[in-house]
């Protein structure tokens, strides 16, 4: 388990974080600087978040790209990190 950069150090904010469909888990070492903007956009299209972390936003974004554009995991990760 890795403690998150964002949010208080507790079990909810600890990595790994899981996508909505439960098929993806992510541990991330870094900072997604625009995660709040991305989180708001993802919430507007139906994603629900349980943590305060940028990593949970990233795993949801990867999932969204996979579902919306039918991308492979590698393509969805590259797209999300752009």
PDB file of N, CA and C in Angstrom:
ATOM      1  N   UNK A   1       0.853  -1.190   0.000  1.00  0.00           N
ATOM      2  CA  UNK A   1       0.000   0.000   0.000  1.00  0.00           C
ATOM      3  C   UNK A   1       0.882   1.231   0.000  1.00  0.00           C
ATOM      4  N   UNK A   2       0.536   2.169  -0.823  1.00  0.00           N
ATOM      5  CA  UNK A   2       1.263   3.433  -0.897  1.00  0.00           C
ATOM      6  C   UNK A   2       0.342   4.551  -0.451  1.00  0.00           C
ATOM      7  N   UNK A   3       0.832   5.436   0.398  1.00  0.00           N
ATOM      8  CA  UNK A   3       0.032   6.591   0.799  1.00  0.00           C
ATOM      9  C   UNK A   3      -0.025   7.589  -0.341  1.00  0.00           C
ATOM     10  N   UNK A   4      -1.147   8.232  -0.477  1.00  0.00           N
ATOM     11  CA  UNK A   4      -1.387   9.141  -1.591  1.00  0.00           C
ATOM     12  C   UNK A   4      -0.740  10.501  -1.358  1.00  0.00           C
ATOM     13  N   UNK A   5      -0.431  11.185  -2.451  1.00  0.00           N
ATOM     14  CA  UNK A   5       0.073  12.555  -2.389  1.00  0.00           C
ATOM     15  C   UNK A   5      -1.037  13.507  -1.980  1.00  0.00           C
ATOM     16  N   UNK A   6      -2.242  13.266  -2.493  1.00  0.00           N
ATOM     17  CA  UNK A   6      -3.385  14.127  -2.205  1.00  0.00           C
ATOM     18  C   UNK A   6      -4.287  13.449  -1.194  1.00  0.00           C
ATOM     19  N   UNK A   7      -4.850  14.251  -0.301  1.00  0.00           N
ATOM     20  CA  UNK A   7      -5.746  13.713   0.708  1.00  0.00           C
ATOM     21  C   UNK A   7      -4.979  13.256   1.939  1.00  0.00           C
ATOM     22  N   UNK A   8      -5.718  13.028   3.008  1.00  0.00           N
ATOM     23  CA  UNK A   8      -5.094  12.615   4.259  1.00  0.00           C
ATOM     24  C   UNK A   8      -4.597  11.169   4.152  1.00  0.00           C
ATOM     25  N   UNK A   9      -3.591  10.828   4.937  1.00  0.00           N
ATOM     26  CA  UNK A   9      -3.068   9.458   4.904  1.00  0.00           C
ATOM     27  C   UNK A   9      -4.002   8.491   5.645  1.00  0.00           C
ATOM     28  N   UNK A  10      -4.906   7.886   4.903  1.00  0.00           N
ATOM     29  CA  UNK A  10      -5.820   6.908   5.478  1.00  0.00           C
ATOM     30  C   UNK A  10      -6.075   5.800   4.472  1.00  0.00           C
ATOM     31  N   UNK A  11      -6.824   4.792   4.872  1.00  0.00           N
ATOM     32  CA  UNK A  11      -7.051   3.639   3.998  1.00  0.00           C
ATOM     33  C   UNK A  11      -7.788   4.005   2.716  1.00  0.00           C
ATOM     34  N   UNK A  12      -8.686   4.977   2.758  1.00  0.00           N
ATOM     35  CA  UNK A  12      -9.444   5.375   1.565  1.00  0.00           C
ATOM     36  C   UNK A  12      -8.531   5.996   0.510  1.00  0.00           C
ATOM     37  N   UNK A  13      -7.569   6.778   0.942  1.00  0.00           N
ATOM     38  CA  UNK A  13      -6.669   7.459   0.011  1.00  0.00           C
ATOM     39  C   UNK A  13      -5.427   6.640  -0.346  1.00  0.00           C
ATOM     40  N   UNK A  14      -5.245   5.491   0.283  1.00  0.00           N
ATOM     41  CA  UNK A  14      -4.068   4.662   0.015  1.00  0.00           C
ATOM     42  C   UNK A  14      -4.214   3.934  -1.319  1.00  0.00           C
ATOM     43  N   UNK A  15      -3.107   3.786  -1.990  1.00  0.00           N
ATOM     44  CA  UNK A  15      -3.082   3.040  -3.250  1.00  0.00           C
ATOM     45  C   UNK A  15      -3.108   1.553  -2.947  1.00  0.00           C
ATOM     46  N   UNK A  16      -3.574   0.710  -3.830  1.00  0.00           N
ATOM     47  CA  UNK A  16      -4.002   0.992  -5.196  1.00  0.00           C
ATOM     48  C   UNK A  16      -5.430   1.523  -5.252  1.00  0.00           C
ATOM     49  N   UNK A  17      -5.747   2.181  -6.367  1.00  0.00           N
ATOM     50  CA  UNK A  17      -7.107   2.648  -6.640  1.00  0.00           C
ATOM     51  C   UNK A  17      -7.660   1.840  -7.797  1.00  0.00           C
ATOM     52  N   UNK A  18      -8.980   1.686  -7.810  1.00  0.00           N
ATOM     53  CA  UNK A  18      -9.642   0.778  -8.741  1.00  0.00           C
ATOM     54  C   UNK A  18     -10.621   1.555  -9.619  1.00  0.00           C
ATOM     55  N   UNK A  19     -10.744   1.129 -10.867  1.00  0.00           N
ATOM     56  CA  UNK A  19     -11.691   1.731 -11.809  1.00  0.00           C
ATOM     57  C   UNK A  19     -13.127   1.387 -11.415  1.00  0.00           C
ATOM     58  N   UNK A  20     -14.076   2.052 -12.036  1.00  0.00           N
ATOM     59  CA  UNK A  20     -15.497   1.818 -11.747  1.00  0.00           C
ATOM     60  C   UNK A  20     -15.900   0.372 -11.976  1.00  0.00           C
ATOM     61  N   UNK A  21     -15.404  -0.220 -13.048  1.00  0.00           N
ATOM     62  CA  UNK A  21     -15.791  -1.593 -13.377  1.00  0.00           C
ATOM     63  C   UNK A  21     -14.972  -2.639 -12.628  1.00  0.00           C
ATOM     64  N   UNK A  22     -13.994  -2.197 -11.841  1.00  0.00           N
ATOM     65  CA  UNK A  22     -13.190  -3.104 -11.044  1.00  0.00           C
ATOM     66  C   UNK A  22     -12.141  -3.885 -11.816  1.00  0.00           C
ATOM     67  N   UNK A  23     -11.980  -3.587 -13.093  1.00  0.00           N
ATOM     68  CA  UNK A  23     -11.039  -4.347 -13.935  1.00  0.00           C
ATOM     69  C   UNK A  23      -9.625  -3.771 -13.913  1.00  0.00           C
ATOM     70  N   UNK A  24      -9.477  -2.514 -13.484  1.00  0.00           N
ATOM     71  CA  UNK A  24      -8.163  -1.875 -13.455  1.00  0.00           C
ATOM     72  C   UNK A  24      -7.815  -1.454 -12.031  1.00  0.00           C
ATOM     73  N   UNK A  25      -6.582  -1.680 -11.645  1.00  0.00           N
ATOM     74  CA  UNK A  25      -6.045  -1.177 -10.376  1.00  0.00           C
ATOM     75  C   UNK A  25      -4.787  -0.397 -10.710  1.00  0.00           C
ATOM     76  N   UNK A  26      -4.540   0.666  -9.946  1.00  0.00           N
ATOM     77  CA  UNK A  26      -3.404   1.516 -10.273  1.00  0.00           C
ATOM     78  C   UNK A  26      -2.687   1.975  -9.015  1.00  0.00           C
ATOM     79  N   UNK A  27      -1.376   1.844  -9.050  1.00  0.00           N
ATOM     80  CA  UNK A  27      -0.485   2.463  -8.080  1.00  0.00           C
ATOM     81  C   UNK A  27       0.346   3.433  -8.890  1.00  0.00           C
ATOM     82  N   UNK A  28       0.432   4.657  -8.424  1.00  0.00           N
ATOM     83  CA  UNK A  28       1.028   5.714  -9.233  1.00  0.00           C
ATOM     84  C   UNK A  28       1.973   6.528  -8.369  1.00  0.00           C
ATOM     85  N   UNK A  29       3.168   6.766  -8.855  1.00  0.00           N
ATOM     86  CA  UNK A  29       4.137   7.581  -8.148  1.00  0.00           C
ATOM     87  C   UNK A  29       4.391   8.821  -8.979  1.00  0.00           C
ATOM     88  N   UNK A  30       3.731   9.884  -8.628  1.00  0.00           N
ATOM     89  CA  UNK A  30       3.846  11.128  -9.365  1.00  0.00           C
ATOM     90  C   UNK A  30       2.645  11.993  -9.044  1.00  0.00           C
ATOM     91  N   UNK A  31       2.532  13.084  -9.732  1.00  0.00           N
ATOM     92  CA  UNK A  31       1.432  14.015  -9.486  1.00  0.00           C
ATOM     93  C   UNK A  31       0.744  14.332 -10.809  1.00  0.00           C
ATOM     94  N   UNK A  32      -0.574  14.206 -10.835  1.00  0.00           N
ATOM     95  CA  UNK A  32      -1.383  14.636 -11.975  1.00  0.00           C
ATOM     96  C   UNK A  32      -1.874  16.035 -11.606  1.00  0.00           C
ATOM     97  N   UNK A  33      -1.215  17.046 -12.153  1.00  0.00           N
ATOM     98  CA  UNK A  33      -1.460  18.416 -11.719  1.00  0.00           C
ATOM     99  C   UNK A  33      -2.867  18.904 -12.006  1.00  0.00           C
ATOM    100  N   UNK A  34      -3.485  18.434 -13.078  1.00  0.00           N
ATOM    101  CA  UNK A  34      -4.826  18.901 -13.438  1.00  0.00           C
ATOM    102  C   UNK A  34      -5.914  17.907 -13.023  1.00  0.00           C
ATOM    103  N   UNK A  35      -5.649  17.130 -11.970  1.00  0.00           N
ATOM    104  CA  UNK A  35      -6.583  16.072 -11.594  1.00  0.00           C
ATOM    105  C   UNK A  35      -7.941  16.607 -11.163  1.00  0.00           C
ATOM    106  N   UNK A  36      -8.007  17.781 -10.559  1.00  0.00           N
ATOM    107  CA  UNK A  36      -9.306  18.314 -10.134  1.00  0.00           C
ATOM    108  C   UNK A  36     -10.188  18.653 -11.332  1.00  0.00           C
ATOM    109  N   UNK A  37      -9.610  19.208 -12.381  1.00  0.00           N
ATOM    110  CA  UNK A  37     -10.353  19.499 -13.605  1.00  0.00           C
ATOM    111  C   UNK A  37     -10.828  18.204 -14.254  1.00  0.00           C
ATOM    112  N   UNK A  38      -9.936  17.219 -14.314  1.00  0.00           N
ATOM    113  CA  UNK A  38     -10.298  15.922 -14.886  1.00  0.00           C
ATOM    114  C   UNK A  38     -11.378  15.236 -14.057  1.00  0.00           C
ATOM    115  N   UNK A  39     -11.249  15.324 -12.737  1.00  0.00           N
ATOM    116  CA  UNK A  39     -12.229  14.700 -11.839  1.00  0.00           C
ATOM    117  C   UNK A  39     -13.616  15.292 -12.062  1.00  0.00           C
ATOM    118  N   UNK A  40     -13.689  16.598 -12.160  1.00  0.00           N
ATOM    119  CA  UNK A  40     -14.985  17.256 -12.388  1.00  0.00           C
ATOM    120  C   UNK A  40     -15.605  16.794 -13.703  1.00  0.00           C
ATOM    121  N   UNK A  41     -14.797  16.735 -14.758  1.00  0.00           N
ATOM    122  CA  UNK A  41     -15.303  16.301 -16.067  1.00  0.00           C
ATOM    123  C   UNK A  41     -15.782  14.854 -16.015  1.00  0.00           C
ATOM    124  N   UNK A  42     -15.041  13.995 -15.334  1.00  0.00           N
ATOM    125  CA  UNK A  42     -15.437  12.592 -15.222  1.00  0.00           C
ATOM    126  C   UNK A  42     -16.703  12.437 -14.374  1.00  0.00           C
ATOM    127  N   UNK A  43     -16.829  13.227 -13.317  1.00  0.00           N
ATOM    128  CA  UNK A  43     -18.052  13.196 -12.497  1.00  0.00           C
ATOM    129  C   UNK A  43     -19.264  13.603 -13.321  1.00  0.00           C
ATOM    130  N   UNK A  44     -19.084  14.577 -14.195  1.00  0.00           N
ATOM    131  CA  UNK A  44     -20.190  15.058 -15.028  1.00  0.00           C
ATOM    132  C   UNK A  44     -20.698  13.985 -15.995  1.00  0.00           C
ATOM    133  N   UNK A  45     -19.865  12.999 -16.307  1.00  0.00           N
ATOM    134  CA  UNK A  45     -20.318  11.929 -17.198  1.00  0.00           C
ATOM    135  C   UNK A  45     -20.583  10.629 -16.438  1.00  0.00           C
ATOM    136  N   UNK A  46     -20.658  10.725 -15.106  1.00  0.00           N
ATOM    137  CA  UNK A  46     -21.124   9.597 -14.317  1.00  0.00           C
ATOM    138  C   UNK A  46     -20.129   8.844 -13.460  1.00  0.00           C
ATOM    139  N   UNK A  47     -18.868   9.238 -13.467  1.00  0.00           N
ATOM    140  CA  UNK A  47     -17.895   8.543 -12.620  1.00  0.00           C
ATOM    141  C   UNK A  47     -18.065   8.992 -11.165  1.00  0.00           C
ATOM    142  N   UNK A  48     -17.913   8.056 -10.253  1.00  0.00           N
ATOM    143  CA  UNK A  48     -18.023   8.322  -8.823  1.00  0.00           C
ATOM    144  C   UNK A  48     -16.692   7.999  -8.171  1.00  0.00           C
ATOM    145  N   UNK A  49     -16.236   8.878  -7.311  1.00  0.00           N
ATOM    146  CA  UNK A  49     -14.941   8.729  -6.662  1.00  0.00           C
ATOM    147  C   UNK A  49     -15.119   8.530  -5.161  1.00  0.00           C
ATOM    148  N   UNK A  50     -14.213   7.753  -4.577  1.00  0.00           N
ATOM    149  CA  UNK A  50     -14.279   7.515  -3.140  1.00  0.00           C
ATOM    150  C   UNK A  50     -13.100   8.147  -2.405  1.00  0.00           C
ATOM    151  N   UNK A  51     -12.045   8.504  -3.122  1.00  0.00           N
ATOM    152  CA  UNK A  51     -10.860   9.070  -2.481  1.00  0.00           C
ATOM    153  C   UNK A  51     -10.678  10.527  -2.904  1.00  0.00           C
ATOM    154  N   UNK A  52      -9.631  11.115  -2.351  1.00  0.00           N
ATOM    155  CA  UNK A  52      -9.268  12.489  -2.693  1.00  0.00           C
ATOM    156  C   UNK A  52      -8.030  12.520  -3.589  1.00  0.00           C
ATOM    157  N   UNK A  53      -7.706  11.413  -4.229  1.00  0.00           N
ATOM    158  CA  UNK A  53      -6.407  11.282  -4.889  1.00  0.00           C
ATOM    159  C   UNK A  53      -6.433  11.500  -6.393  1.00  0.00           C
ATOM    160  N   UNK A  54      -5.291  11.935  -6.888  1.00  0.00           N
ATOM    161  CA  UNK A  54      -5.124  12.077  -8.333  1.00  0.00           C
ATOM    162  C   UNK A  54      -5.010  10.710  -9.004  1.00  0.00           C
ATOM    163  N   UNK A  55      -4.536   9.716  -8.290  1.00  0.00           N
ATOM    164  CA  UNK A  55      -4.390   8.379  -8.865  1.00  0.00           C
ATOM    165  C   UNK A  55      -5.741   7.761  -9.179  1.00  0.00           C
ATOM    166  N   UNK A  56      -6.723   7.955  -8.308  1.00  0.00           N
ATOM    167  CA  UNK A  56      -8.056   7.428  -8.606  1.00  0.00           C
ATOM    168  C   UNK A  56      -8.625   8.104  -9.848  1.00  0.00           C
ATOM    169  N   UNK A  57      -8.376   9.389 -10.012  1.00  0.00           N
ATOM    170  CA  UNK A  57      -8.825  10.092 -11.209  1.00  0.00           C
ATOM    171  C   UNK A  57      -8.157   9.496 -12.441  1.00  0.00           C
ATOM    172  N   UNK A  58      -6.877   9.212 -12.350  1.00  0.00           N
ATOM    173  CA  UNK A  58      -6.151   8.643 -13.491  1.00  0.00           C
ATOM    174  C   UNK A  58      -6.702   7.273 -13.884  1.00  0.00           C
ATOM    175  N   UNK A  59      -6.984   6.413 -12.928  1.00  0.00           N
ATOM    176  CA  UNK A  59      -7.499   5.086 -13.278  1.00  0.00           C
ATOM    177  C   UNK A  59      -8.893   5.188 -13.899  1.00  0.00           C
ATOM    178  N   UNK A  60      -9.707   6.140 -13.454  1.00  0.00           N
ATOM    179  CA  UNK A  60     -11.014   6.354 -14.069  1.00  0.00           C
ATOM    180  C   UNK A  60     -10.875   6.911 -15.483  1.00  0.00           C
ATOM    181  N   UNK A  61      -9.887   7.792 -15.694  1.00  0.00           N
ATOM    182  CA  UNK A  61      -9.664   8.353 -17.022  1.00  0.00           C
ATOM    183  C   UNK A  61      -9.213   7.262 -17.996  1.00  0.00           C
ATOM    184  N   UNK A  62      -8.335   6.394 -17.552  1.00  0.00           N
ATOM    185  CA  UNK A  62      -7.908   5.272 -18.388  1.00  0.00           C
ATOM    186  C   UNK A  62      -9.103   4.405 -18.751  1.00  0.00           C
ATOM    187  N   UNK A  63      -9.933   4.100 -17.771  1.00  0.00           N
ATOM    188  CA  UNK A  63     -11.143   3.308 -18.010  1.00  0.00           C
ATOM    189  C   UNK A  63     -12.061   4.003 -19.018  1.00  0.00           C
ATOM    190  N   UNK A  64     -12.221   5.301 -18.879  1.00  0.00           N
ATOM    191  CA  UNK A  64     -13.095   6.062 -19.785  1.00  0.00           C
ATOM    192  C   UNK A  64     -12.587   5.971 -21.222  1.00  0.00           C
ATOM    193  N   UNK A  65     -11.283   6.137 -21.412  1.00  0.00           N
ATOM    194  CA  UNK A  65     -10.732   6.021 -22.759  1.00  0.00           C
ATOM    195  C   UNK A  65     -10.928   4.618 -23.310  1.00  0.00           C
ATOM    196  N   UNK A  66     -10.730   3.600 -22.496  1.00  0.00           N
ATOM    197  CA  UNK A  66     -10.935   2.226 -22.962  1.00  0.00           C
ATOM    198  C   UNK A  66     -12.379   2.021 -23.412  1.00  0.00           C
ATOM    199  N   UNK A  67     -13.320   2.485 -22.616  1.00  0.00           N
ATOM    200  CA  UNK A  67     -14.738   2.266 -22.918  1.00  0.00           C
ATOM    201  C   UNK A  67     -15.236   3.122 -24.069  1.00  0.00           C
ATOM    202  N   UNK A  68     -14.892   4.397 -24.043  1.00  0.00           N
ATOM    203  CA  UNK A  68     -15.434   5.336 -25.028  1.00  0.00           C
ATOM    204  C   UNK A  68     -14.824   5.140 -26.407  1.00  0.00           C
ATOM    205  N   UNK A  69     -13.532   4.854 -26.459  1.00  0.00           N
ATOM    206  CA  UNK A  69     -12.847   4.779 -27.745  1.00  0.00           C
ATOM    207  C   UNK A  69     -12.373   3.373 -28.081  1.00  0.00           C
ATOM    208  N   UNK A  70     -12.759   2.401 -27.261  1.00  0.00           N
ATOM    209  CA  UNK A  70     -12.414   1.002 -27.495  1.00  0.00           C
ATOM    210  C   UNK A  70     -10.911   0.830 -27.705  1.00  0.00           C
ATOM    211  N   UNK A  71     -10.120   1.414 -26.794  1.00  0.00           N
ATOM    212  CA  UNK A  71      -8.664   1.353 -26.889  1.00  0.00           C
ATOM    213  C   UNK A  71      -8.120   0.189 -26.079  1.00  0.00           C
ATOM    214  N   UNK A  72      -6.956  -0.296 -26.461  1.00  0.00           N
ATOM    215  CA  UNK A  72      -6.255  -1.275 -25.635  1.00  0.00           C
ATOM    216  C   UNK A  72      -5.801  -0.583 -24.360  1.00  0.00           C
ATOM    217  N   UNK A  73      -5.390  -1.372 -23.384  1.00  0.00           N
ATOM    218  CA  UNK A  73      -4.919  -0.788 -22.134  1.00  0.00           C
ATOM    219  C   UNK A  73      -3.733   0.139 -22.380  1.00  0.00           C
ATOM    220  N   UNK A  74      -2.768  -0.310 -23.156  1.00  0.00           N
ATOM    221  CA  UNK A  74      -1.596   0.522 -23.439  1.00  0.00           C
ATOM    222  C   UNK A  74      -1.956   1.832 -24.119  1.00  0.00           C
ATOM    223  N   UNK A  75      -2.853   1.769 -25.094  1.00  0.00           N
ATOM    224  CA  UNK A  75      -3.281   2.990 -25.789  1.00  0.00           C
ATOM    225  C   UNK A  75      -4.035   3.917 -24.843  1.00  0.00           C
ATOM    226  N   UNK A  76      -4.877   3.361 -23.988  1.00  0.00           N
ATOM    227  CA  UNK A  76      -5.656   4.174 -23.049  1.00  0.00           C
ATOM    228  C   UNK A  76      -4.748   4.851 -22.026  1.00  0.00           C
ATOM    229  N   UNK A  77      -3.732   4.143 -21.558  1.00  0.00           N
ATOM    230  CA  UNK A  77      -2.776   4.738 -20.609  1.00  0.00           C
ATOM    231  C   UNK A  77      -2.026   5.882 -21.275  1.00  0.00           C
ATOM    232  N   UNK A  78      -1.523   5.654 -22.478  1.00  0.00           N
ATOM    233  CA  UNK A  78      -0.809   6.725 -23.195  1.00  0.00           C
ATOM    234  C   UNK A  78      -1.714   7.936 -23.397  1.00  0.00           C
ATOM    235  N   UNK A  79      -2.939   7.698 -23.786  1.00  0.00           N
ATOM    236  CA  UNK A  79      -3.883   8.788 -24.033  1.00  0.00           C
ATOM    237  C   UNK A  79      -4.177   9.570 -22.759  1.00  0.00           C
ATOM    238  N   UNK A  80      -4.378   8.848 -21.668  1.00  0.00           N
ATOM    239  CA  UNK A  80      -4.673   9.504 -20.380  1.00  0.00           C
ATOM    240  C   UNK A  80      -3.506  10.352 -19.901  1.00  0.00           C
ATOM    241  N   UNK A  81      -2.301   9.901 -20.172  1.00  0.00           N
ATOM    242  CA  UNK A  81      -1.132  10.641 -19.705  1.00  0.00           C
ATOM    243  C   UNK A  81      -0.768  11.815 -20.590  1.00  0.00           C
ATOM    244  N   UNK A  82      -1.398  11.913 -21.751  1.00  0.00           N
ATOM    245  CA  UNK A  82      -1.150  13.082 -22.606  1.00  0.00           C
ATOM    246  C   UNK A  82      -1.658  14.327 -21.931  1.00  0.00           C
TER     247      UNK A  82
END
